[in-house]
């Protein structure tokens, strides 16, 4: 884990591709441009998108295209995939092929010097991350989110726009905090759980549940995440 926004040496002279050509990928590309990167194009595993353009940039191919080109060209990847498990899967594929990916922090974000931000994490505009917060690898911290002091965010979690984590709260790996949702201070949300838009979490939530409302109440378990978690090594 690192507080640097450039986790690999010489990243600015490498070609940067955004993995994922959906709406989220567009925003990630624009964060990269705001940081002064020249984005070379998008990578997308949907073969019907190859050759098309997004933001006037080409969709070059899927993972195999990326792996082939990485053998003879210096390139890096920005993770532009909104789905937590798919983002994790792609990151693991890149690691196995020694394809580096970058951490991107929008220039308008305010990140405490004592906070740590993991590799491959994307921090959108007007985010605030306060003292001693710890952000894992591959996290999405979306537009205008606030992570207060001493918080912990697990790997490949997603904070939606306008969400808030109170001091010393935690969001587990692969979890999703919905738009405008909040976790009050010293409360934890378990791995693989989903907190609905506008919900307020006032007591600890277990793993792999969906919770909605004010205060947030568990409405059902998230079977898809629970089942796929059996094959994951993420902590």
Protein backbone atom coordinates (compact mmCIF):
# COMPACT_ATOMS: atom_id res chain seq x y z
CA UNK A 1 0.00 0.00 0.00
CA UNK A 2 1.27 3.46 -0.84
CA UNK A 3 0.28 7.11 -0.61
CA UNK A 4 1.85 7.80 -4.00
CA UNK A 5 -0.34 8.32 -7.05
CA UNK A 6 2.38 6.79 -9.24
CA UNK A 7 3.07 3.28 -7.92
CA UNK A 8 5.34 2.13 -10.73
CA UNK A 9 8.60 3.68 -11.82
CA UNK A 10 8.57 5.69 -15.03
CA UNK A 11 4.79 5.50 -15.33
CA UNK A 12 4.46 8.88 -17.03
CA UNK A 13 6.54 7.80 -20.00
CA UNK A 14 4.46 4.63 -20.45
CA UNK A 15 1.30 4.38 -22.54
CA UNK A 16 -1.76 4.54 -20.30
CA UNK A 17 -4.85 2.49 -21.18
CA UNK A 18 -8.11 2.55 -19.23
CA UNK A 19 -9.53 -0.92 -18.65
CA UNK A 20 -13.29 -0.58 -19.11
CA UNK A 21 -15.02 1.59 -21.72
CA UNK A 22 -18.29 2.19 -19.86
CA UNK A 23 -19.44 5.38 -18.15
CA UNK A 24 -17.18 4.75 -15.16
CA UNK A 25 -14.23 4.22 -17.50
CA UNK A 26 -14.92 7.63 -19.05
CA UNK A 27 -14.64 9.32 -15.66
CA UNK A 28 -11.42 7.46 -14.85
CA UNK A 29 -9.97 8.58 -18.19
CA UNK A 30 -10.82 12.20 -17.39
CA UNK A 31 -9.18 11.91 -13.96
CA UNK A 32 -6.03 10.72 -15.73
CA UNK A 33 -6.17 13.61 -18.19
CA UNK A 34 -6.62 16.08 -15.31
CA UNK A 35 -3.41 14.68 -13.83
CA UNK A 36 -1.52 15.31 -17.06
CA UNK A 37 -1.51 11.79 -18.48
CA UNK A 38 -1.97 11.16 -22.18
CA UNK A 39 -4.49 8.33 -22.43
CA UNK A 40 -3.75 6.04 -25.37
CA UNK A 41 -7.11 4.27 -25.44
CA UNK A 42 -9.48 1.86 -23.73
CA UNK A 43 -9.37 -1.89 -23.13
CA UNK A 44 -12.69 -3.74 -23.08
CA UNK A 45 -13.48 -7.46 -23.15
CA UNK A 46 -16.66 -7.02 -25.18
CA UNK A 47 -15.53 -7.88 -28.74
CA UNK A 48 -18.37 -5.83 -30.24
CA UNK A 49 -16.78 -2.63 -28.93
CA UNK A 50 -13.36 -3.10 -30.57
CA UNK A 51 -12.62 -0.37 -33.08
CA UNK A 52 -15.20 2.00 -31.65
CA UNK A 53 -14.28 5.26 -29.92
CA UNK A 54 -15.08 6.63 -26.46
CA UNK A 55 -14.17 10.25 -25.69
CA UNK A 56 -12.47 10.24 -29.10
CA UNK A 57 -10.15 7.46 -27.91
CA UNK A 58 -10.05 4.00 -29.52
CA UNK A 59 -11.21 0.79 -27.87
CA UNK A 60 -8.19 -1.31 -28.77
CA UNK A 61 -9.21 -4.80 -27.69
CA UNK A 62 -9.59 -7.04 -24.66
CA UNK A 63 -7.15 -8.55 -22.21
CA UNK A 64 -5.32 -10.69 -24.76
CA UNK A 65 -4.65 -7.58 -26.88
CA UNK A 66 -3.30 -5.87 -23.78
CA UNK A 67 -1.10 -8.84 -22.83
CA UNK A 68 0.37 -9.12 -26.32
CA UNK A 69 1.21 -5.43 -26.51
CA UNK A 70 2.65 -5.40 -22.99
CA UNK A 71 5.35 -7.81 -24.21
CA UNK A 72 6.93 -5.24 -26.51
CA UNK A 73 5.57 -1.87 -25.39
CA UNK A 74 5.85 -0.03 -22.08
CA UNK A 75 2.28 0.43 -20.87
CA UNK A 76 0.24 0.83 -17.70
CA UNK A 77 -3.44 0.35 -16.90
CA UNK A 78 -6.02 2.47 -15.08
CA UNK A 79 -8.83 0.37 -13.60
CA UNK A 80 -12.04 1.74 -15.11
CA UNK A 81 -14.44 -1.04 -14.06
CA UNK A 82 -17.23 -0.23 -11.61
CA UNK A 83 -18.11 -3.80 -10.58
CA UNK A 84 -15.96 -4.72 -7.59
CA UNK A 85 -15.36 -8.38 -8.36
CA UNK A 86 -14.75 -7.79 -12.05
CA UNK A 87 -12.25 -5.06 -11.17
CA UNK A 88 -10.51 -7.47 -8.80
CA UNK A 89 -10.44 -10.19 -11.47
CA UNK A 90 -8.87 -7.87 -14.04
CA UNK A 91 -6.31 -6.61 -11.55
CA UNK A 92 -5.28 -10.20 -10.76
CA UNK A 93 -4.93 -10.97 -14.48
CA UNK A 94 -2.71 -7.92 -14.91
CA UNK A 95 -0.54 -8.94 -11.95
CA UNK A 96 -0.06 -12.43 -13.35
CA UNK A 97 1.22 -10.92 -16.62
CA UNK A 98 3.30 -8.24 -14.82
CA UNK A 99 1.18 -5.45 -16.31
CA UNK A 100 1.33 -2.52 -13.87
CA UNK A 101 -1.69 -0.41 -13.02
CA UNK A 102 -1.77 3.12 -11.68
CA UNK A 103 -3.34 4.91 -8.74
CA UNK A 104 -5.16 8.03 -9.93
CA UNK A 105 -6.10 10.88 -7.56
CA UNK A 106 -7.98 13.83 -9.02
CA UNK A 107 -6.16 17.16 -8.44
CA UNK A 108 -9.16 18.56 -6.52
CA UNK A 109 -9.17 15.70 -4.00
CA UNK A 110 -7.83 16.44 -0.51
CA UNK A 111 -5.78 13.52 0.81
CA UNK A 112 -4.14 13.73 4.24
CA UNK A 113 -0.39 13.20 4.21
CA UNK A 114 -0.85 10.58 6.91
CA UNK A 115 -3.42 8.62 4.89
CA UNK A 116 -2.41 5.64 2.76
CA UNK A 117 -3.93 4.85 -0.63
CA UNK A 118 -3.53 1.45 -2.28
CA UNK A 119 -2.30 0.63 -5.77
CA UNK A 120 -4.92 0.87 -8.50
CA UNK A 121 -7.30 2.96 -6.42
CA UNK A 122 -9.21 5.74 -8.22
CA UNK A 123 -10.03 8.93 -6.30
CA UNK A 124 -12.52 11.21 -8.02
CA UNK A 125 -13.02 14.98 -7.85
CA UNK A 126 -13.66 16.75 -4.52
CA UNK A 127 -13.03 13.70 -2.37
CA UNK A 128 -11.72 14.22 1.18
CA UNK A 129 -9.61 11.57 2.93
CA UNK A 130 -8.56 12.61 6.42
CA UNK A 131 -5.78 11.73 8.86
CA UNK A 132 -4.56 8.13 9.22
CA UNK A 133 -7.22 6.71 6.92
CA UNK A 134 -6.18 3.48 5.21
CA UNK A 135 -7.47 2.73 1.71
CA UNK A 136 -6.84 -0.68 0.15
CA UNK A 137 -5.88 -1.63 -3.41
CA UNK A 138 -8.32 -1.16 -6.28
CA UNK A 139 -10.84 0.96 -4.38
CA UNK A 140 -13.19 3.45 -6.06
CA UNK A 141 -13.69 6.65 -4.04
CA UNK A 142 -16.31 8.41 -6.10
CA UNK A 143 -17.11 12.07 -6.57
CA UNK A 144 -17.48 14.12 -3.39
CA UNK A 145 -17.09 11.22 -0.95
CA UNK A 146 -15.67 11.81 2.53
CA UNK A 147 -13.51 9.34 4.44
CA UNK A 148 -12.84 10.65 7.92
CA UNK A 149 -9.85 10.13 10.23
CA UNK A 150 -8.73 6.61 11.10
CA UNK A 151 -11.13 4.92 8.68
CA UNK A 152 -10.34 1.65 6.94
CA UNK A 153 -11.53 0.76 3.42
CA UNK A 154 -10.90 -2.79 2.24
CA UNK A 155 -9.58 -3.83 -1.16
CA UNK A 156 -11.82 -3.37 -4.19
CA UNK A 157 -14.57 -1.62 -2.25
CA UNK A 158 -16.60 1.24 -3.78
CA UNK A 159 -17.76 4.47 -2.17
CA UNK A 160 -20.45 6.01 -4.39
CA UNK A 161 -20.80 9.78 -4.98
CA UNK A 162 -21.57 11.79 -1.86
CA UNK A 163 -21.11 8.92 0.59
CA UNK A 164 -19.56 9.51 4.01
CA UNK A 165 -17.57 7.41 6.46
CA UNK A 166 -17.42 8.75 10.02
CA UNK A 167 -14.22 8.67 12.05
CA UNK A 168 -12.70 5.23 12.71
CA UNK A 169 -15.41 3.42 10.72
CA UNK A 170 -14.63 0.63 8.28
CA UNK A 171 -15.90 -0.66 4.95
CA UNK A 172 -14.96 -4.26 4.15
CA UNK A 173 -13.30 -5.61 1.02
CA UNK A 174 -15.58 -5.79 -2.03
CA UNK A 175 -18.29 -3.78 -0.26
CA UNK A 176 -20.33 -0.99 -1.80
CA UNK A 177 -21.51 2.18 -0.03
CA UNK A 178 -24.36 3.65 -2.08
CA UNK A 179 -24.92 7.24 -3.19
CA UNK A 180 -25.38 9.59 -0.25
CA UNK A 181 -25.10 6.73 2.26
CA UNK A 182 -23.25 7.14 5.55
CA UNK A 183 -21.50 4.98 8.14
CA UNK A 184 -21.36 6.65 11.53
CA UNK A 185 -18.19 6.76 13.59
CA UNK A 186 -16.66 3.48 14.83
CA UNK A 187 -19.14 1.31 12.93
CA UNK A 188 -18.10 -1.40 10.47
CA UNK A 189 -19.59 -2.86 7.30
CA UNK A 190 -18.52 -6.42 6.54
CA UNK A 191 -16.84 -7.66 3.36
CA UNK A 192 -19.01 -8.06 0.29
CA UNK A 193 -21.94 -6.07 1.71
CA UNK A 194 -24.04 -3.42 -0.02
CA UNK A 195 -25.42 -0.30 1.68
CA UNK A 196 -28.26 1.24 -0.31
CA UNK A 197 -28.41 4.86 -1.47
CA UNK A 198 -29.19 7.30 1.34
CA UNK A 199 -28.95 4.67 4.08
CA UNK A 200 -27.34 5.44 7.44
CA UNK A 201 -25.43 2.61 9.12
CA UNK A 202 -25.54 3.06 12.91
CA UNK A 203 -24.52 -0.45 13.99
CA UNK A 204 -22.11 -3.04 12.62
CA UNK A 205 -23.24 -4.96 9.54
CA UNK A 206 -22.06 -8.54 8.84
CA UNK A 207 -20.50 -9.75 5.62
CA UNK A 208 -22.44 -10.28 2.38
CA UNK A 209 -25.68 -8.52 3.24
CA UNK A 210 -27.76 -5.76 1.66
CA UNK A 211 -28.91 -3.03 4.05
CA UNK A 212 -31.21 -0.09 3.29
CA UNK A 213 -33.02 2.69 5.12
CA UNK A 214 -32.48 5.08 8.02
CA UNK A 215 -31.28 3.49 10.15
CA UNK A 216 -29.94 0.83 7.77
CA UNK A 217 -31.52 -2.60 8.22
CA UNK A 218 -30.53 -5.86 6.56
CA UNK A 219 -33.10 -6.84 3.92
CA UNK A 220 -31.41 -9.89 2.42
CA UNK A 221 -28.10 -11.62 1.84
CA UNK A 222 -26.09 -11.12 -1.31
CA UNK A 223 -25.85 -14.70 -2.56
CA UNK A 224 -23.85 -13.84 -5.69
CA UNK A 225 -21.08 -12.20 -3.70
CA UNK A 226 -21.22 -14.85 -0.99
CA UNK A 227 -20.84 -17.71 -3.44
CA UNK A 228 -18.03 -16.13 -5.46
CA UNK A 229 -16.19 -15.21 -2.27
CA UNK A 230 -15.53 -18.92 -1.66
CA UNK A 231 -13.03 -18.89 -4.53
CA UNK A 232 -11.34 -15.60 -3.70
CA UNK A 233 -8.18 -15.19 -1.64
CA UNK A 234 -8.79 -11.53 -0.84
CA UNK A 235 -8.75 -10.70 2.86
